[in-house]
PDB file of N, CA and C in Angstrom:
ATOM      1  N   UNK A   1      40.568 185.505 103.800  1.00  0.00           N
ATOM      2  CA  UNK A   1      41.799 185.358 104.571  1.00  0.00           C
ATOM      3  C   UNK A   1      41.882 186.520 105.559  1.00  0.00           C
ATOM      4  N   UNK A   2      42.255 186.243 106.761  1.00  0.00           N
ATOM      5  CA  UNK A   2      42.251 187.252 107.803  1.00  0.00           C
ATOM      6  C   UNK A   2      43.449 188.175 107.761  1.00  0.00           C
ATOM      7  N   UNK A   3      43.287 189.311 108.383  1.00  0.00           N
ATOM      8  CA  UNK A   3      44.373 190.290 108.471  1.00  0.00           C
ATOM      9  C   UNK A   3      45.548 189.749 109.277  1.00  0.00           C
ATOM     10  N   UNK A   4      45.261 188.844 110.220  1.00  0.00           N
ATOM     11  CA  UNK A   4      46.335 188.257 111.026  1.00  0.00           C
ATOM     12  C   UNK A   4      47.364 187.561 110.148  1.00  0.00           C
ATOM     13  N   UNK A   5      46.883 186.882 109.122  1.00  0.00           N
ATOM     14  CA  UNK A   5      47.761 186.165 108.206  1.00  0.00           C
ATOM     15  C   UNK A   5      48.692 187.153 107.493  1.00  0.00           C
ATOM     16  N   UNK A   6      48.127 188.275 107.057  1.00  0.00           N
ATOM     17  CA  UNK A   6      48.942 189.272 106.357  1.00  0.00           C
ATOM     18  C   UNK A   6      49.868 190.013 107.318  1.00  0.00           C
ATOM     19  N   UNK A   7      49.441 190.207 108.544  1.00  0.00           N
ATOM     20  CA  UNK A   7      50.301 190.842 109.542  1.00  0.00           C
ATOM     21  C   UNK A   7      51.525 189.973 109.802  1.00  0.00           C
ATOM     22  N   UNK A   8      51.298 188.686 109.950  1.00  0.00           N
ATOM     23  CA  UNK A   8      52.409 187.750 110.158  1.00  0.00           C
ATOM     24  C   UNK A   8      53.306 187.711 108.927  1.00  0.00           C
ATOM     25  N   UNK A   9      52.706 187.746 107.766  1.00  0.00           N
ATOM     26  CA  UNK A   9      53.463 187.718 106.518  1.00  0.00           C
ATOM     27  C   UNK A   9      54.337 188.967 106.389  1.00  0.00           C
ATOM     28  N   UNK A  10      53.784 190.109 106.729  1.00  0.00           N
ATOM     29  CA  UNK A  10      54.566 191.364 106.692  1.00  0.00           C
ATOM     30  C   UNK A  10      55.769 191.276 107.630  1.00  0.00           C
ATOM     31  N   UNK A  11      55.557 190.716 108.804  1.00  0.00           N
ATOM     32  CA  UNK A  11      56.651 190.575 109.771  1.00  0.00           C
ATOM     33  C   UNK A  11      57.736 189.647 109.229  1.00  0.00           C
ATOM     34  N   UNK A  12      57.335 188.569 108.579  1.00  0.00           N
ATOM     35  CA  UNK A  12      58.293 187.630 108.001  1.00  0.00           C
ATOM     36  C   UNK A  12      59.108 188.303 106.892  1.00  0.00           C
ATOM     37  N   UNK A  13      58.428 189.059 106.046  1.00  0.00           N
ATOM     38  CA  UNK A  13      59.117 189.762 104.952  1.00  0.00           C
ATOM     39  C   UNK A  13      60.062 190.813 105.524  1.00  0.00           C
ATOM     40  N   UNK A  14      59.635 191.505 106.569  1.00  0.00           N
ATOM     41  CA  UNK A  14      60.505 192.497 107.202  1.00  0.00           C
ATOM     42  C   UNK A  14      61.756 191.837 107.763  1.00  0.00           C
ATOM     43  N   UNK A  15      61.604 190.635 108.285  1.00  0.00           N
ATOM     44  CA  UNK A  15      62.763 189.909 108.804  1.00  0.00           C
ATOM     45  C   UNK A  15      63.763 189.609 107.681  1.00  0.00           C
ATOM     46  N   UNK A  16      63.244 189.234 106.503  1.00  0.00           N
ATOM     47  CA  UNK A  16      64.118 189.005 105.342  1.00  0.00           C
ATOM     48  C   UNK A  16      64.865 190.295 104.996  1.00  0.00           C
ATOM     49  N   UNK A  17      64.152 191.402 104.971  1.00  0.00           N
ATOM     50  CA  UNK A  17      64.757 192.698 104.642  1.00  0.00           C
ATOM     51  C   UNK A  17      65.834 193.046 105.666  1.00  0.00           C
ATOM     52  N   UNK A  18      65.557 192.812 106.933  1.00  0.00           N
ATOM     53  CA  UNK A  18      66.539 193.093 107.982  1.00  0.00           C
ATOM     54  C   UNK A  18      67.784 192.225 107.828  1.00  0.00           C
ATOM     55  N   UNK A  19      67.594 190.961 107.456  1.00  0.00           N
ATOM     56  CA  UNK A  19      68.732 190.067 107.254  1.00  0.00           C
ATOM     57  C   UNK A  19      69.573 190.507 106.050  1.00  0.00           C
ATOM     58  N   UNK A  20      68.897 190.980 105.009  1.00  0.00           N
ATOM     59  CA  UNK A  20      69.631 191.500 103.844  1.00  0.00           C
ATOM     60  C   UNK A  20      70.425 192.732 104.251  1.00  0.00           C
ATOM     61  N   UNK A  21      69.803 193.609 105.020  1.00  0.00           N
ATOM     62  CA  UNK A  21      70.486 194.827 105.480  1.00  0.00           C
ATOM     63  C   UNK A  21      71.703 194.487 106.331  1.00  0.00           C
ATOM     64  N   UNK A  22      71.617 193.386 107.076  1.00  0.00           N
ATOM     65  CA  UNK A  22      72.725 192.945 107.909  1.00  0.00           C
ATOM     66  C   UNK A  22      73.744 192.124 107.111  1.00  0.00           C
ATOM     67  N   UNK A  23      73.494 192.016 105.801  1.00  0.00           N
ATOM     68  CA  UNK A  23      74.367 191.262 104.886  1.00  0.00           C
ATOM     69  C   UNK A  23      74.479 189.789 105.276  1.00  0.00           C
ATOM     70  N   UNK A  24      73.389 189.251 105.777  1.00  0.00           N
ATOM     71  CA  UNK A  24      73.317 187.841 106.167  1.00  0.00           C
ATOM     72  C   UNK A  24      72.529 187.095 105.085  1.00  0.00           C
ATOM     73  N   UNK A  25      73.199 186.852 103.955  1.00  0.00           N
ATOM     74  CA  UNK A  25      72.534 186.271 102.791  1.00  0.00           C
ATOM     75  C   UNK A  25      72.002 184.867 103.049  1.00  0.00           C
ATOM     76  N   UNK A  26      72.748 184.064 103.777  1.00  0.00           N
ATOM     77  CA  UNK A  26      72.329 182.676 104.013  1.00  0.00           C
ATOM     78  C   UNK A  26      71.023 182.616 104.791  1.00  0.00           C
ATOM     79  N   UNK A  27      70.955 183.325 105.908  1.00  0.00           N
ATOM     80  CA  UNK A  27      69.729 183.320 106.712  1.00  0.00           C
ATOM     81  C   UNK A  27      68.574 184.001 105.976  1.00  0.00           C
ATOM     82  N   UNK A  28      68.900 185.054 105.228  1.00  0.00           N
ATOM     83  CA  UNK A  28      67.865 185.741 104.444  1.00  0.00           C
ATOM     84  C   UNK A  28      67.274 184.785 103.423  1.00  0.00           C
ATOM     85  N   UNK A  29      68.122 184.021 102.752  1.00  0.00           N
ATOM     86  CA  UNK A  29      67.634 183.069 101.758  1.00  0.00           C
ATOM     87  C   UNK A  29      66.804 181.968 102.404  1.00  0.00           C
ATOM     88  N   UNK A  30      67.248 181.467 103.552  1.00  0.00           N
ATOM     89  CA  UNK A  30      66.484 180.427 104.258  1.00  0.00           C
ATOM     90  C   UNK A  30      65.106 180.937 104.653  1.00  0.00           C
ATOM     91  N   UNK A  31      65.053 182.161 105.147  1.00  0.00           N
ATOM     92  CA  UNK A  31      63.779 182.767 105.544  1.00  0.00           C
ATOM     93  C   UNK A  31      62.892 182.983 104.324  1.00  0.00           C
ATOM     94  N   UNK A  32      63.509 183.395 103.217  1.00  0.00           N
ATOM     95  CA  UNK A  32      62.758 183.618 101.986  1.00  0.00           C
ATOM     96  C   UNK A  32      62.117 182.319 101.497  1.00  0.00           C
ATOM     97  N   UNK A  33      62.839 181.227 101.601  1.00  0.00           N
ATOM     98  CA  UNK A  33      62.287 179.920 101.209  1.00  0.00           C
ATOM     99  C   UNK A  33      61.084 179.578 102.087  1.00  0.00           C
ATOM    100  N   UNK A  34      61.198 179.813 103.382  1.00  0.00           N
ATOM    101  CA  UNK A  34      60.080 179.544 104.298  1.00  0.00           C
ATOM    102  C   UNK A  34      58.848 180.369 103.937  1.00  0.00           C
ATOM    103  N   UNK A  35      59.071 181.653 103.673  1.00  0.00           N
ATOM    104  CA  UNK A  35      57.952 182.542 103.336  1.00  0.00           C
ATOM    105  C   UNK A  35      57.354 182.156 101.989  1.00  0.00           C
ATOM    106  N   UNK A  36      58.189 181.756 101.047  1.00  0.00           N
ATOM    107  CA  UNK A  36      57.693 181.312  99.737  1.00  0.00           C
ATOM    108  C   UNK A  36      56.789 180.093  99.885  1.00  0.00           C
ATOM    109  N   UNK A  37      57.188 179.171 100.750  1.00  0.00           N
ATOM    110  CA  UNK A  37      56.362 177.983 100.996  1.00  0.00           C
ATOM    111  C   UNK A  37      55.029 178.374 101.628  1.00  0.00           C
ATOM    112  N   UNK A  38      55.068 179.324 102.546  1.00  0.00           N
ATOM    113  CA  UNK A  38      53.838 179.818 103.160  1.00  0.00           C
ATOM    114  C   UNK A  38      52.920 180.438 102.110  1.00  0.00           C
ATOM    115  N   UNK A  39      53.492 181.240 101.221  1.00  0.00           N
ATOM    116  CA  UNK A  39      52.692 181.847 100.150  1.00  0.00           C
ATOM    117  C   UNK A  39      52.081 180.782  99.242  1.00  0.00           C
ATOM    118  N   UNK A  40      52.855 179.751  98.938  1.00  0.00           N
ATOM    119  CA  UNK A  40      52.331 178.671  98.109  1.00  0.00           C
ATOM    120  C   UNK A  40      51.146 177.986  98.781  1.00  0.00           C
ATOM    121  N   UNK A  41      51.250 177.767 100.085  1.00  0.00           N
ATOM    122  CA  UNK A  41      50.136 177.164 100.830  1.00  0.00           C
ATOM    123  C   UNK A  41      48.915 178.078 100.800  1.00  0.00           C
ATOM    124  N   UNK A  42      49.152 179.377 100.989  1.00  0.00           N
ATOM    125  CA  UNK A  42      48.051 180.332 100.956  1.00  0.00           C
ATOM    126  C   UNK A  42      47.394 180.340  99.575  1.00  0.00           C
ATOM    127  N   UNK A  43      48.204 180.269  98.542  1.00  0.00           N
ATOM    128  CA  UNK A  43      47.707 180.269  97.177  1.00  0.00           C
ATOM    129  C   UNK A  43      46.862 179.033  96.897  1.00  0.00           C
ATOM    130  N   UNK A  44      47.281 177.909  97.448  1.00  0.00           N
ATOM    131  CA  UNK A  44      46.564 176.649  97.244  1.00  0.00           C
ATOM    132  C   UNK A  44      45.220 176.612  97.960  1.00  0.00           C
ATOM    133  N   UNK A  45      45.077 177.404  99.013  1.00  0.00           N
ATOM    134  CA  UNK A  45      43.870 177.301  99.835  1.00  0.00           C
ATOM    135  C   UNK A  45      42.903 178.460  99.670  1.00  0.00           C
ATOM    136  N   UNK A  46      43.132 179.323  98.691  1.00  0.00           N
ATOM    137  CA  UNK A  46      42.206 180.435  98.509  1.00  0.00           C
ATOM    138  C   UNK A  46      41.735 180.515  97.073  1.00  0.00           C
ATOM    139  N   UNK A  47      40.539 181.046  96.905  1.00  0.00           N
ATOM    140  CA  UNK A  47      40.041 181.322  95.569  1.00  0.00           C
ATOM    141  C   UNK A  47      39.433 182.729  95.503  1.00  0.00           C
ATOM    142  N   UNK A  48      39.652 183.495  96.566  1.00  0.00           N
ATOM    143  CA  UNK A  48      39.178 184.871  96.612  1.00  0.00           C
ATOM    144  C   UNK A  48      40.103 185.757  95.782  1.00  0.00           C
ATOM    145  N   UNK A  49      39.534 186.549  94.899  1.00  0.00           N
ATOM    146  CA  UNK A  49      40.339 187.420  94.037  1.00  0.00           C
ATOM    147  C   UNK A  49      41.219 188.379  94.843  1.00  0.00           C
ATOM    148  N   UNK A  50      40.665 188.949  95.905  1.00  0.00           N
ATOM    149  CA  UNK A  50      41.429 189.891  96.726  1.00  0.00           C
ATOM    150  C   UNK A  50      42.665 189.222  97.321  1.00  0.00           C
ATOM    151  N   UNK A  51      42.495 188.011  97.805  1.00  0.00           N
ATOM    152  CA  UNK A  51      43.626 187.276  98.377  1.00  0.00           C
ATOM    153  C   UNK A  51      44.649 186.914  97.310  1.00  0.00           C
ATOM    154  N   UNK A  52      44.173 186.503  96.151  1.00  0.00           N
ATOM    155  CA  UNK A  52      45.089 186.153  95.069  1.00  0.00           C
ATOM    156  C   UNK A  52      45.934 187.352  94.648  1.00  0.00           C
ATOM    157  N   UNK A  53      45.319 188.511  94.603  1.00  0.00           N
ATOM    158  CA  UNK A  53      46.051 189.739  94.249  1.00  0.00           C
ATOM    159  C   UNK A  53      47.089 190.057  95.314  1.00  0.00           C
ATOM    160  N   UNK A  54      46.699 189.964  96.574  1.00  0.00           N
ATOM    161  CA  UNK A  54      47.622 190.253  97.677  1.00  0.00           C
ATOM    162  C   UNK A  54      48.789 189.265  97.689  1.00  0.00           C
ATOM    163  N   UNK A  55      48.497 188.003  97.491  1.00  0.00           N
ATOM    164  CA  UNK A  55      49.540 186.975  97.465  1.00  0.00           C
ATOM    165  C   UNK A  55      50.497 187.235  96.310  1.00  0.00           C
ATOM    166  N   UNK A  56      49.962 187.605  95.150  1.00  0.00           N
ATOM    167  CA  UNK A  56      50.832 187.852  93.996  1.00  0.00           C
ATOM    168  C   UNK A  56      51.755 189.037  94.245  1.00  0.00           C
ATOM    169  N   UNK A  57      51.287 190.028  94.987  1.00  0.00           N
ATOM    170  CA  UNK A  57      52.150 191.168  95.341  1.00  0.00           C
ATOM    171  C   UNK A  57      53.336 190.697  96.187  1.00  0.00           C
ATOM    172  N   UNK A  58      53.050 189.820  97.132  1.00  0.00           N
ATOM    173  CA  UNK A  58      54.126 189.288  97.970  1.00  0.00           C
ATOM    174  C   UNK A  58      55.089 188.424  97.155  1.00  0.00           C
ATOM    175  N   UNK A  59      54.563 187.679  96.190  1.00  0.00           N
ATOM    176  CA  UNK A  59      55.438 186.862  95.349  1.00  0.00           C
ATOM    177  C   UNK A  59      56.403 187.740  94.551  1.00  0.00           C
ATOM    178  N   UNK A  60      55.903 188.838  94.021  1.00  0.00           N
ATOM    179  CA  UNK A  60      56.767 189.771  93.282  1.00  0.00           C
ATOM    180  C   UNK A  60      57.821 190.352  94.216  1.00  0.00           C
ATOM    181  N   UNK A  61      57.409 190.744  95.411  1.00  0.00           N
ATOM    182  CA  UNK A  61      58.349 191.288  96.390  1.00  0.00           C
ATOM    183  C   UNK A  61      59.423 190.263  96.750  1.00  0.00           C
ATOM    184  N   UNK A  62      59.018 189.014  96.966  1.00  0.00           N
ATOM    185  CA  UNK A  62      59.996 187.977  97.301  1.00  0.00           C
ATOM    186  C   UNK A  62      60.977 187.746  96.154  1.00  0.00           C
ATOM    187  N   UNK A  63      60.498 187.830  94.923  1.00  0.00           N
ATOM    188  CA  UNK A  63      61.402 187.695  93.778  1.00  0.00           C
ATOM    189  C   UNK A  63      62.437 188.810  93.766  1.00  0.00           C
ATOM    190  N   UNK A  64      61.999 190.027  94.076  1.00  0.00           N
ATOM    191  CA  UNK A  64      62.930 191.155  94.135  1.00  0.00           C
ATOM    192  C   UNK A  64      63.922 190.989  95.280  1.00  0.00           C
ATOM    193  N   UNK A  65      63.457 190.517  96.413  1.00  0.00           N
ATOM    194  CA  UNK A  65      64.347 190.288  97.548  1.00  0.00           C
ATOM    195  C   UNK A  65      65.348 189.178  97.231  1.00  0.00           C
ATOM    196  N   UNK A  66      64.896 188.165  96.514  1.00  0.00           N
ATOM    197  CA  UNK A  66      65.806 187.084  96.130  1.00  0.00           C
ATOM    198  C   UNK A  66      66.928 187.637  95.236  1.00  0.00           C
ATOM    199  N   UNK A  67      66.570 188.493  94.299  1.00  0.00           N
ATOM    200  CA  UNK A  67      67.593 189.106  93.434  1.00  0.00           C
ATOM    201  C   UNK A  67      68.598 189.895  94.272  1.00  0.00           C
ATOM    202  N   UNK A  68      68.116 190.564  95.291  1.00  0.00           N
ATOM    203  CA  UNK A  68      68.993 191.323  96.183  1.00  0.00           C
ATOM    204  C   UNK A  68      69.931 190.378  96.948  1.00  0.00           C
ATOM    205  N   UNK A  69      69.393 189.254  97.403  1.00  0.00           N
ATOM    206  CA  UNK A  69      70.214 188.270  98.119  1.00  0.00           C
ATOM    207  C   UNK A  69      71.303 187.731  97.196  1.00  0.00           C
ATOM    208  N   UNK A  70      70.937 187.437  95.955  1.00  0.00           N
ATOM    209  CA  UNK A  70      71.917 186.911  94.997  1.00  0.00           C
ATOM    210  C   UNK A  70      73.026 187.917  94.752  1.00  0.00           C
ATOM    211  N   UNK A  71      72.680 189.186  94.582  1.00  0.00           N
ATOM    212  CA  UNK A  71      73.724 190.196  94.350  1.00  0.00           C
ATOM    213  C   UNK A  71      74.550 190.423  95.608  1.00  0.00           C
ATOM    214  N   UNK A  72      73.948 190.234  96.764  1.00  0.00           N
ATOM    215  CA  UNK A  72      74.669 190.381  98.028  1.00  0.00           C
ATOM    216  C   UNK A  72      75.739 189.303  98.183  1.00  0.00           C
ATOM    217  N   UNK A  73      75.386 188.113  97.769  1.00  0.00           N
ATOM    218  CA  UNK A  73      76.241 186.957  98.004  1.00  0.00           C
ATOM    219  C   UNK A  73      76.987 186.507  96.757  1.00  0.00           C
ATOM    220  N   UNK A  74      76.630 187.033  95.609  1.00  0.00           N
ATOM    221  CA  UNK A  74      77.225 186.555  94.374  1.00  0.00           C
ATOM    222  C   UNK A  74      76.448 185.372  93.831  1.00  0.00           C
ATOM    223  N   UNK A  75      76.032 184.504  94.718  1.00  0.00           N
ATOM    224  CA  UNK A  75      75.164 183.363  94.406  1.00  0.00           C
ATOM    225  C   UNK A  75      74.736 182.734  95.733  1.00  0.00           C
ATOM    226  N   UNK A  76      73.679 181.936  95.654  1.00  0.00           N
ATOM    227  CA  UNK A  76      73.207 181.280  96.880  1.00  0.00           C
ATOM    228  C   UNK A  76      73.143 179.789  96.654  1.00  0.00           C
TER     229      UNK A  76
END
């Protein structure tokens, strides 16, 4: 998997973080769903151990961001 994919992924995750910082839980959650779907697609199309490890790191991060969104909004 190319670095371009991870660069784009980092930008998407940063956008979620920025939306959380702006207390925009709805848009943050929508973006998180989009990024989660992207990660699922990446997971389905790779069998490289390095990529699987990197993807799993992003999945853990997204789970933590989701918890932050829930506490921000009370629920989503």
